[in-house]
Amino acid sequence: MNNVLFSRNRRTRRLVFVPEAAREQIFFQGNKKMTNRFVKAAVAAVFCAAAAASFADEIHVAVAANFTAPAKELAPVFEAKTGHKVILSFGSTGMFYGQIKNGATYDVLLAADAKTPKKAVTEGYGVASSVFTYAVGKLVFWSSDAGKIKDGAKLLETADFNKCAVAHPKLAPYGLAAYETLNHMKVFEKVQPKFVEGDNIGKTFQFVKTGNADVGFVALSQVYKNGKMTSGSGWVIPADYYGKIRQDAVLLKNGKSLKAAAEFLQFLKGGEAAKVKTAYGYGTN
């Protein structure tokens, strides 16, 4: 019984047995055209995938810590548009530049400042014509406590807090901006004894987020999206209290031959990327 198929005779309307060999022949003849179409479609798909893969690149991008959230949002969009693969690394610009000088194979650097990309070009690690400002950073005085900062200026003037996290001014542009802000407000001497210092803005943010410091100066992009704070409370520092935080990008020599690297930088200049950067509080010029 396992080797036969029940089939209805059209004349007698009775069920008859069909041997397995005959069943396979019937199936083959009935589905020959469908099978041929399926094979052709499968072969075409394989060739298309192979062709697409042959034009796709994988690029390694070193990203300043403050640009973590926007970069994570932008990379998949770029990958979907181009088929290229983007591998992101996050950290301090100074750390990345040290790695680049020691042979790290990054293709693009998205710095937290303007001087490092310029230095990369001067010292032979970057492509001069590729440098541009991809974002302008903004500084915020922030606490993870939603009720802590109601009047930021007054809180800084009274220094009514235990610890204030600040990035090192010689290592991080947001740290320098914090120093400039406090000097502009003439409260540096009062606040400085309460400093908890991080060597980059990522660590500085963690100090405040975890409560090791009850307040701190961080990048607006770390705590803001679509017009409001994503957590805690804060005061966005007026732009004229500190020097402009220009964040420049540069194509590195390692990525000079990769089409994807140049395309990624071009993508960062476009309207789609501008919307994401604006959503996280960055300026564009």
Protein backbone atom coordinates (compact mmCIF):
# COMPACT_ATOMS: atom_id res chain seq x y z
CA MET A 1 0.00 0.00 0.00
CA ASN A 2 2.92 2.33 0.60
CA ASN A 3 4.08 2.02 -3.01
CA VAL A 4 0.81 2.99 -4.69
CA LEU A 5 -1.39 6.03 -5.11
CA PHE A 6 -5.21 6.07 -5.05
CA SER A 7 -6.57 7.77 -8.20
CA ARG A 8 -10.18 8.21 -9.34
CA ASN A 9 -11.00 6.69 -12.76
CA ARG A 10 -12.85 9.42 -14.70
CA ARG A 11 -15.19 6.93 -16.48
CA THR A 12 -16.10 4.55 -13.65
CA ARG A 13 -15.51 7.00 -10.80
CA ARG A 14 -13.83 4.16 -8.95
CA LEU A 15 -10.58 4.40 -7.05
CA VAL A 16 -7.71 2.54 -8.72
CA PHE A 17 -4.14 1.85 -7.65
CA VAL A 18 -1.30 3.68 -9.39
CA PRO A 19 2.21 2.11 -8.99
CA GLU A 20 4.93 4.30 -7.50
CA ALA A 21 7.01 4.35 -10.69
CA ALA A 22 4.03 5.58 -12.69
CA ARG A 23 3.22 8.13 -9.99
CA GLU A 24 6.74 9.60 -10.23
CA GLN A 25 6.47 9.79 -14.01
CA ILE A 26 3.11 11.58 -13.80
CA PHE A 27 4.48 14.01 -11.23
CA PHE A 28 7.58 14.69 -13.30
CA GLN A 29 5.66 15.35 -16.51
CA GLY A 30 3.07 17.50 -14.76
CA ASN A 31 5.63 19.62 -13.00
CA LYS A 32 8.43 19.72 -15.55
CA LYS A 33 7.71 23.30 -16.62
CA MET A 34 7.31 24.45 -13.04
CA THR A 35 10.59 22.76 -12.08
CA ASN A 36 12.45 24.40 -14.96
CA ARG A 37 11.11 27.79 -13.96
CA PHE A 38 12.11 27.24 -10.35
CA VAL A 39 15.66 26.19 -11.32
CA LYS A 40 16.08 29.19 -13.60
CA ALA A 41 14.83 31.56 -10.91
CA ALA A 42 17.11 30.01 -8.30
CA VAL A 43 20.15 30.25 -10.59
CA ALA A 44 19.31 33.88 -11.40
CA ALA A 45 18.99 34.69 -7.70
CA VAL A 46 22.38 33.12 -6.98
CA PHE A 47 24.03 35.11 -9.76
CA CYS A 48 22.38 38.35 -8.58
CA ALA A 49 23.52 37.75 -5.01
CA ALA A 50 27.04 36.96 -6.17
CA ALA A 51 27.12 40.07 -8.33
CA ALA A 52 25.88 42.25 -5.47
CA ALA A 53 28.42 40.74 -3.09
CA SER A 54 31.24 41.41 -5.53
CA PHE A 55 30.45 45.15 -5.39
CA ALA A 56 29.85 45.31 -1.62
CA ASP A 57 32.55 46.43 0.82
CA GLU A 58 33.04 46.06 4.53
CA ILE A 59 34.29 49.18 6.25
CA HIS A 60 35.52 49.83 9.78
CA VAL A 61 34.51 53.18 11.27
CA ALA A 62 36.00 54.65 14.45
CA VAL A 63 33.27 56.75 16.10
CA ALA A 64 33.63 59.36 18.84
CA ALA A 65 31.76 58.22 21.97
CA ASN A 66 29.29 61.12 21.89
CA PHE A 67 28.08 60.06 18.43
CA THR A 68 27.26 56.48 19.47
CA ALA A 69 23.46 56.65 19.29
CA PRO A 70 23.22 58.44 15.91
CA ALA A 71 25.85 56.15 14.38
CA LYS A 72 23.96 53.04 15.49
CA GLU A 73 20.84 54.46 13.87
CA LEU A 74 22.52 55.58 10.65
CA ALA A 75 24.64 52.49 9.88
CA PRO A 76 21.70 50.13 9.15
CA VAL A 77 20.11 52.75 6.89
CA PHE A 78 23.33 53.05 4.88
CA GLU A 79 23.70 49.25 4.72
CA ALA A 80 20.15 48.84 3.43
CA LYS A 81 20.66 51.50 0.76
CA THR A 82 24.02 50.25 -0.51
CA GLY A 83 24.54 46.61 0.48
CA HIS A 84 27.81 47.55 2.18
CA LYS A 85 28.65 46.40 5.71
CA VAL A 86 29.60 48.94 8.38
CA ILE A 87 31.47 47.84 11.50
CA LEU A 88 31.38 50.52 14.19
CA SER A 89 33.81 51.00 17.07
CA PHE A 90 33.15 53.57 19.81
CA GLY A 91 35.56 55.37 22.11
CA SER A 92 37.65 58.48 22.63
CA THR A 93 39.12 60.22 19.61
CA GLY A 94 42.55 60.32 21.25
CA MET A 95 42.50 56.56 21.84
CA PHE A 96 41.50 55.90 18.23
CA TYR A 97 44.22 58.14 16.85
CA GLY A 98 46.83 56.34 18.93
CA GLN A 99 45.58 53.03 17.50
CA ILE A 100 45.64 54.40 13.95
CA LYS A 101 49.26 55.49 14.37
CA ASN A 102 50.06 51.98 15.61
CA GLY A 103 48.55 50.32 12.55
CA ALA A 104 44.85 49.85 13.39
CA THR A 105 42.94 49.25 10.17
CA TYR A 106 40.13 51.78 10.44
CA ASP A 107 38.81 53.18 7.17
CA VAL A 108 36.95 56.24 8.48
CA LEU A 109 37.34 58.37 11.61
CA LEU A 110 34.40 60.32 13.00
CA ALA A 111 36.20 62.50 15.53
CA ALA A 112 34.90 64.47 18.50
CA ASP A 113 36.96 67.46 17.38
CA ALA A 114 38.40 69.18 14.31
CA LYS A 115 42.08 69.02 15.19
CA THR A 116 42.50 65.23 15.09
CA PRO A 117 41.36 64.75 11.46
CA LYS A 118 43.58 67.69 10.50
CA LYS A 119 46.48 66.04 12.33
CA ALA A 120 45.73 62.74 10.57
CA VAL A 121 46.13 64.46 7.21
CA THR A 122 49.30 66.31 8.26
CA GLU A 123 50.92 63.14 9.59
CA GLY A 124 49.99 61.05 6.55
CA TYR A 125 47.15 58.92 7.91
CA GLY A 126 44.21 60.78 6.33
CA VAL A 127 43.07 61.99 2.91
CA ALA A 128 43.12 65.80 2.80
CA SER A 129 40.19 66.28 0.41
CA SER A 130 37.87 64.14 2.55
CA VAL A 131 37.77 66.23 5.75
CA PHE A 132 34.46 67.89 6.61
CA THR A 133 32.36 68.79 9.66
CA TYR A 134 29.75 66.07 10.09
CA ALA A 135 28.23 67.49 13.30
CA VAL A 136 28.42 70.40 15.74
CA GLY A 137 28.17 69.22 19.32
CA LYS A 138 26.19 70.83 22.14
CA LEU A 139 26.89 70.73 25.86
CA VAL A 140 24.36 70.01 28.60
CA PHE A 141 24.59 70.17 32.39
CA TRP A 142 22.78 66.95 33.32
CA SER A 143 21.68 64.72 36.19
CA SER A 144 20.15 61.25 36.09
CA ASP A 145 17.75 62.51 38.80
CA ALA A 146 14.68 63.89 37.02
CA GLY A 147 14.11 66.45 39.79
CA LYS A 148 17.67 67.60 40.36
CA ILE A 149 18.17 70.33 37.75
CA LYS A 150 15.32 72.83 37.66
CA ASP A 151 17.44 75.96 37.23
CA GLY A 152 20.84 74.90 35.91
CA ALA A 153 22.50 78.29 36.11
CA LYS A 154 21.45 78.77 39.73
CA LEU A 155 22.56 75.26 40.67
CA LEU A 156 26.03 75.91 39.27
CA GLU A 157 26.23 79.28 41.02
CA THR A 158 25.41 77.70 44.39
CA ALA A 159 27.31 74.45 43.69
CA ASP A 160 24.63 72.65 45.68
CA PHE A 161 25.68 69.13 44.70
CA ASN A 162 28.22 66.54 45.84
CA LYS A 163 30.14 65.62 42.68
CA CYS A 164 30.27 67.07 39.18
CA ALA A 165 31.54 64.88 36.33
CA VAL A 166 33.67 66.63 33.71
CA ALA A 167 35.74 65.22 30.84
CA HIS A 168 39.45 66.05 30.80
CA PRO A 169 39.79 69.34 28.87
CA LYS A 170 43.00 68.29 27.12
CA LEU A 171 41.56 64.97 25.96
CA ALA A 172 37.91 65.76 25.21
CA PRO A 173 36.37 68.83 23.53
CA TYR A 174 33.27 68.55 25.70
CA GLY A 175 35.54 68.78 28.75
CA LEU A 176 37.12 71.93 27.37
CA ALA A 177 33.63 73.33 26.71
CA ALA A 178 32.68 72.61 30.33
CA TYR A 179 35.74 74.50 31.60
CA GLU A 180 34.93 77.41 29.27
CA THR A 181 31.32 77.45 30.52
CA LEU A 182 32.32 77.57 34.18
CA ASN A 183 34.85 80.33 33.50
CA HIS A 184 32.27 82.28 31.50
CA MET A 185 29.87 82.03 34.45
CA LYS A 186 32.68 82.90 36.87
CA VAL A 187 31.97 79.83 39.04
CA PHE A 188 34.95 77.65 38.15
CA GLU A 189 36.68 78.08 41.50
CA LYS A 190 33.52 77.09 43.37
CA VAL A 191 32.73 74.00 41.25
CA GLN A 192 36.24 72.68 40.51
CA PRO A 193 36.81 71.05 43.96
CA LYS A 194 33.80 68.80 43.27
CA PHE A 195 35.08 67.49 39.92
CA VAL A 196 35.06 63.80 39.00
CA GLU A 197 37.09 63.62 35.81
CA GLY A 198 36.74 61.21 32.89
CA ASP A 199 39.20 60.86 30.03
CA ASN A 200 36.38 60.92 27.47
CA ILE A 201 32.74 61.96 27.33
CA GLY A 202 31.53 58.36 27.39
CA LYS A 203 33.08 57.70 30.80
CA THR A 204 31.95 61.09 32.05
CA PHE A 205 28.38 60.25 31.11
CA GLN A 206 28.65 56.92 32.93
CA PHE A 207 29.75 58.71 36.12
CA VAL A 208 26.51 60.67 36.14
CA LYS A 209 24.26 57.91 34.86
CA THR A 210 25.38 55.50 37.60
CA GLY A 211 25.17 58.11 40.36
CA ASN A 212 28.90 58.29 41.06
CA ALA A 213 28.44 61.98 40.34
CA ASP A 214 25.05 63.59 40.95
CA VAL A 215 25.56 66.11 38.11
CA GLY A 216 27.90 66.53 35.18
CA PHE A 217 28.66 68.10 31.82
CA VAL A 218 27.90 65.67 28.98
CA ALA A 219 27.11 65.74 25.27
CA LEU A 220 23.50 66.67 24.58
CA SER A 221 23.26 63.73 22.16
CA GLN A 222 23.72 61.30 25.06
CA VAL A 223 20.54 62.38 26.85
CA TYR A 224 18.33 63.98 24.23
CA LYS A 225 16.17 62.98 21.26
CA ASN A 226 13.35 64.58 19.31
CA GLY A 227 13.14 67.75 21.35
CA LYS A 228 13.29 66.40 24.89
CA MET A 229 15.51 64.74 27.46
CA THR A 230 15.36 60.97 27.23
CA SER A 231 16.04 60.66 30.96
CA GLY A 232 16.96 62.71 34.03
CA SER A 233 16.98 66.49 34.02
CA GLY A 234 19.29 69.03 32.45
CA TRP A 235 20.13 72.51 31.29
CA VAL A 236 21.32 72.97 27.72
CA ILE A 237 24.26 75.36 27.96
CA PRO A 238 23.90 78.47 25.77
CA ALA A 239 26.14 78.15 22.70
CA ASP A 240 27.93 81.43 23.40
CA TYR A 241 29.26 80.14 26.74
CA TYR A 242 31.87 77.92 25.02
CA GLY A 243 33.72 77.55 21.74
CA LYS A 244 32.01 75.71 18.88
CA ILE A 245 32.47 71.94 19.11
CA ARG A 246 33.14 71.07 15.48
CA GLN A 247 33.27 67.33 14.93
CA ASP A 248 35.10 66.44 11.73
CA ALA A 249 35.26 63.25 9.70
CA VAL A 250 38.19 62.02 7.64
CA LEU A 251 38.76 59.20 5.18
CA LEU A 252 41.81 57.28 6.37
CA LYS A 253 44.50 55.97 4.03
CA ASN A 254 43.44 52.40 4.82
CA GLY A 255 39.99 53.08 3.35
CA LYS A 256 41.10 55.17 0.37
CA SER A 257 40.56 52.33 -2.11
CA LEU A 258 37.19 51.29 -0.68
CA LYS A 259 34.17 52.68 -2.51
CA ALA A 260 32.01 52.10 0.56
CA ALA A 261 34.16 54.38 2.72
CA ALA A 262 33.71 57.33 0.35
CA GLU A 263 30.01 56.54 -0.01
CA PHE A 264 29.53 56.45 3.76
CA LEU A 265 31.08 59.90 4.15
CA GLN A 266 28.86 61.20 1.36
CA PHE A 267 25.84 59.64 3.09
CA LEU A 268 26.69 61.56 6.28
CA LYS A 269 26.44 64.81 4.31
CA GLY A 270 22.94 64.03 3.06
CA GLY A 271 19.48 64.99 4.24
CA GLU A 272 18.64 61.59 5.68
CA ALA A 273 21.63 61.72 8.01
CA ALA A 274 20.96 65.39 8.85
CA LYS A 275 17.51 64.51 10.21
CA VAL A 276 18.97 61.91 12.55
CA LYS A 277 21.72 64.23 13.76
CA THR A 278 19.23 67.02 14.40
CA ALA A 279 17.00 64.62 16.33
CA TYR A 280 19.91 64.00 18.73
CA GLY A 281 20.52 67.70 19.25
CA TYR A 282 23.49 68.24 16.95
CA GLY A 283 23.97 71.37 14.89
CA THR A 284 25.06 71.01 11.27
CA ASN A 285 27.20 74.11 10.79
